[in-house]
C-alpha atoms as a PDB file:
ATOM      1  CA  MET A   1      -5.181 -11.000   1.729  1.00  0.00           C
ATOM      2  CA  THR A   2      -6.271 -10.463  -1.909  1.00  0.00           C
ATOM      3  CA  CYS A   3      -6.094  -7.196  -3.545  1.00  0.00           C
ATOM      4  CA  VAL A   4      -6.206  -5.661  -6.989  1.00  0.00           C
ATOM      5  CA  SER A   5      -2.726  -4.683  -8.097  1.00  0.00           C
ATOM      6  CA  SER A   6      -3.472  -0.967  -8.318  1.00  0.00           C
ATOM      7  CA  ASP A   7      -4.565  -0.845  -4.650  1.00  0.00           C
ATOM      8  CA  LEU A   8      -1.274  -1.498  -2.859  1.00  0.00           C
ATOM      9  CA  PRO A   9       2.362  -1.060  -3.537  1.00  0.00           C
ATOM     10  CA  ILE A  10       2.948  -4.886  -3.710  1.00  0.00           C
ATOM     11  CA  CYS A  11       6.672  -4.741  -4.317  1.00  0.00           C
ATOM     12  CA  LEU A  12       7.232  -2.638  -1.111  1.00  0.00           C
ATOM     13  CA  LEU A  13       5.187  -4.960   0.985  1.00  0.00           C
ATOM     14  CA  CYS A  14       7.251  -7.978  -0.041  1.00  0.00           C
ATOM     15  CA  ARG A  15      10.592  -6.334  -0.235  1.00  0.00           C
ATOM     16  CA  ASN A  16      10.232  -4.816   3.354  1.00  0.00           C
ATOM     17  CA  ASN A  17       9.077  -8.281   4.696  1.00  0.00           C
ATOM     18  CA  TYR A  18       5.512  -7.150   5.621  1.00  0.00           C
ATOM     19  CA  ALA A  19       4.030  -9.787   3.223  1.00  0.00           C
ATOM     20  CA  ILE A  20       4.894 -12.939   1.213  1.00  0.00           C
ATOM     21  CA  PHE A  21       3.798 -13.331  -2.373  1.00  0.00           C
ATOM     22  CA  GLU A  22       1.437 -16.282  -2.657  1.00  0.00           C
ATOM     23  CA  GLU A  23      -0.349 -16.176  -5.985  1.00  0.00           C
ATOM     24  CA  ILE A  24      -1.119 -14.150  -9.070  1.00  0.00           C
ATOM     25  CA  ARG A  25      -4.209 -14.758 -11.278  1.00  0.00           C
ATOM     26  CA  THR A  26      -6.424 -13.032 -13.692  1.00  0.00           C
ATOM     27  CA  LYS A  27     -10.149 -12.982 -13.965  1.00  0.00           C
ATOM     28  CA  THR A  28     -12.382 -11.690 -16.727  1.00  0.00           C
ATOM     29  CA  ILE A  29     -15.264  -9.523 -15.561  1.00  0.00           C
ATOM     30  CA  THR A  30     -18.116  -7.902 -17.409  1.00  0.00           C
ATOM     31  CA  VAL A  31     -18.228  -4.127 -17.268  1.00  0.00           C
ATOM     32  CA  GLN A  32     -21.561  -2.305 -17.932  1.00  0.00           C
ATOM     33  CA  ALA A  33     -21.366   0.173 -20.696  1.00  0.00           C
ATOM     34  CA  SER A  34     -22.674   3.609 -20.112  1.00  0.00           C
ATOM     35  CA  ASN A  35     -23.078   4.646 -23.699  1.00  0.00           C
ATOM     36  CA  ASN A  36     -25.412   1.922 -24.938  1.00  0.00           C
ATOM     37  CA  ARG A  37     -22.675   0.117 -26.821  1.00  0.00           C
ATOM     38  CA  GLY A  38     -23.228  -3.024 -24.821  1.00  0.00           C
ATOM     39  CA  ASP A  39     -21.217  -4.657 -22.149  1.00  0.00           C
ATOM     40  CA  SER A  40     -17.414  -5.316 -22.480  1.00  0.00           C
ATOM     41  CA  LYS A  41     -15.074  -7.721 -20.819  1.00  0.00           C
ATOM     42  CA  LYS A  42     -12.078  -6.600 -18.906  1.00  0.00           C
ATOM     43  CA  ALA A  43      -9.230  -8.513 -17.299  1.00  0.00           C
ATOM     44  CA  LYS A  44      -8.538  -7.885 -13.552  1.00  0.00           C
ATOM     45  CA  LEU A  45      -5.251  -8.894 -12.057  1.00  0.00           C
ATOM     46  CA  PHE A  46      -5.456 -10.395  -8.489  1.00  0.00           C
ATOM     47  CA  ILE A  47      -2.418 -10.673  -6.356  1.00  0.00           C
ATOM     48  CA  THR A  48      -2.656 -12.717  -3.082  1.00  0.00           C
ATOM     49  CA  LEU A  49      -0.213 -12.017  -0.326  1.00  0.00           C
ATOM     50  CA  LYS A  50       0.230 -13.673   3.018  1.00  0.00           C
ATOM     51  CA  ARG A  51       1.184 -11.796   6.026  1.00  0.00           C
ATOM     52  CA  SER A  52       4.927 -12.288   6.864  1.00  0.00           C
ATOM     53  CA  PRO A  53       5.868 -14.114  10.006  1.00  0.00           C
ATOM     54  CA  ASP A  54       7.747 -10.848  10.978  1.00  0.00           C
ATOM     55  CA  PHE A  55       4.806  -8.510  10.183  1.00  0.00           C
ATOM     56  CA  PHE A  56       4.083  -7.343  13.758  1.00  0.00           C
ATOM     57  CA  GLU A  57       7.699  -6.819  14.566  1.00  0.00           C
ATOM     58  CA  ASN A  58       8.164  -4.833  11.385  1.00  0.00           C
ATOM     59  CA  MET A  59       4.980  -2.772  12.007  1.00  0.00           C
ATOM     60  CA  LYS A  60       6.361  -1.974  15.472  1.00  0.00           C
ATOM     61  CA  LYS A  61       9.639  -0.675  13.936  1.00  0.00           C
ATOM     62  CA  PHE A  62       7.694   1.254  11.215  1.00  0.00           C
ATOM     63  CA  ASN A  63       5.601   3.056  13.834  1.00  0.00           C
ATOM     64  CA  GLU A  64       8.626   3.873  15.984  1.00  0.00           C
ATOM     65  CA  ILE A  65      10.444   5.321  13.023  1.00  0.00           C
ATOM     66  CA  ARG A  66       7.343   7.354  11.915  1.00  0.00           C
ATOM     67  CA  GLU A  67       6.840   8.754  15.372  1.00  0.00           C
ATOM     68  CA  GLU A  68      10.549   9.731  15.585  1.00  0.00           C
ATOM     69  CA  ASN A  69      10.265  11.492  12.177  1.00  0.00           C
ATOM     70  CA  GLU A  70       7.203  13.282  13.185  1.00  0.00           C
ATOM     71  CA  GLN A  71       8.771  14.527  16.351  1.00  0.00           C
ATOM     72  CA  LYS A  72      11.972  15.680  14.278  1.00  0.00           C
ATOM     73  CA  ALA A  73       9.662  17.479  11.750  1.00  0.00           C
ATOM     74  CA  SER A  74       7.750  19.104  14.478  1.00  0.00           C
ATOM     75  CA  LYS A  75      10.915  20.219  16.116  1.00  0.00           C
ATOM     76  CA  LEU A  76      12.347  21.615  12.777  1.00  0.00           C
ATOM     77  CA  GLN A  77       8.980  23.431  12.184  1.00  0.00           C
ATOM     78  CA  GLU A  78       9.261  25.157  15.691  1.00  0.00           C
ATOM     79  CA  GLU A  79      12.865  26.163  15.027  1.00  0.00           C
ATOM     80  CA  SER A  80      11.847  27.567  11.685  1.00  0.00           C
ATOM     81  CA  LYS A  81       9.125  29.686  13.177  1.00  0.00           C
ATOM     82  CA  GLU A  82      11.440  30.942  15.949  1.00  0.00           C
ATOM     83  CA  LYS A  83      13.940  32.115  13.203  1.00  0.00           C
ATOM     84  CA  THR A  84      11.310  34.074  11.391  1.00  0.00           C
ATOM     85  CA  GLU A  85       9.909  35.857  14.471  1.00  0.00           C
END
């Protein structure tokens, strides 16, 4: 998987063992100017990650925790409504 650094929280993916850092590189791209000043060159940072061997297990745990949190939030919201009525 290759992504531009601003697209994903790379550190979290690696730290939480969803992905393994593989490569970082830069590429110069030409950007079209919109104000007749001419094209300019910009550097883009590309970070390549590899899916962790534990990816699917970690995603299963993540989804279980998320569902549990949503149930708790729903329950708290219902209790809050009951108190105000």
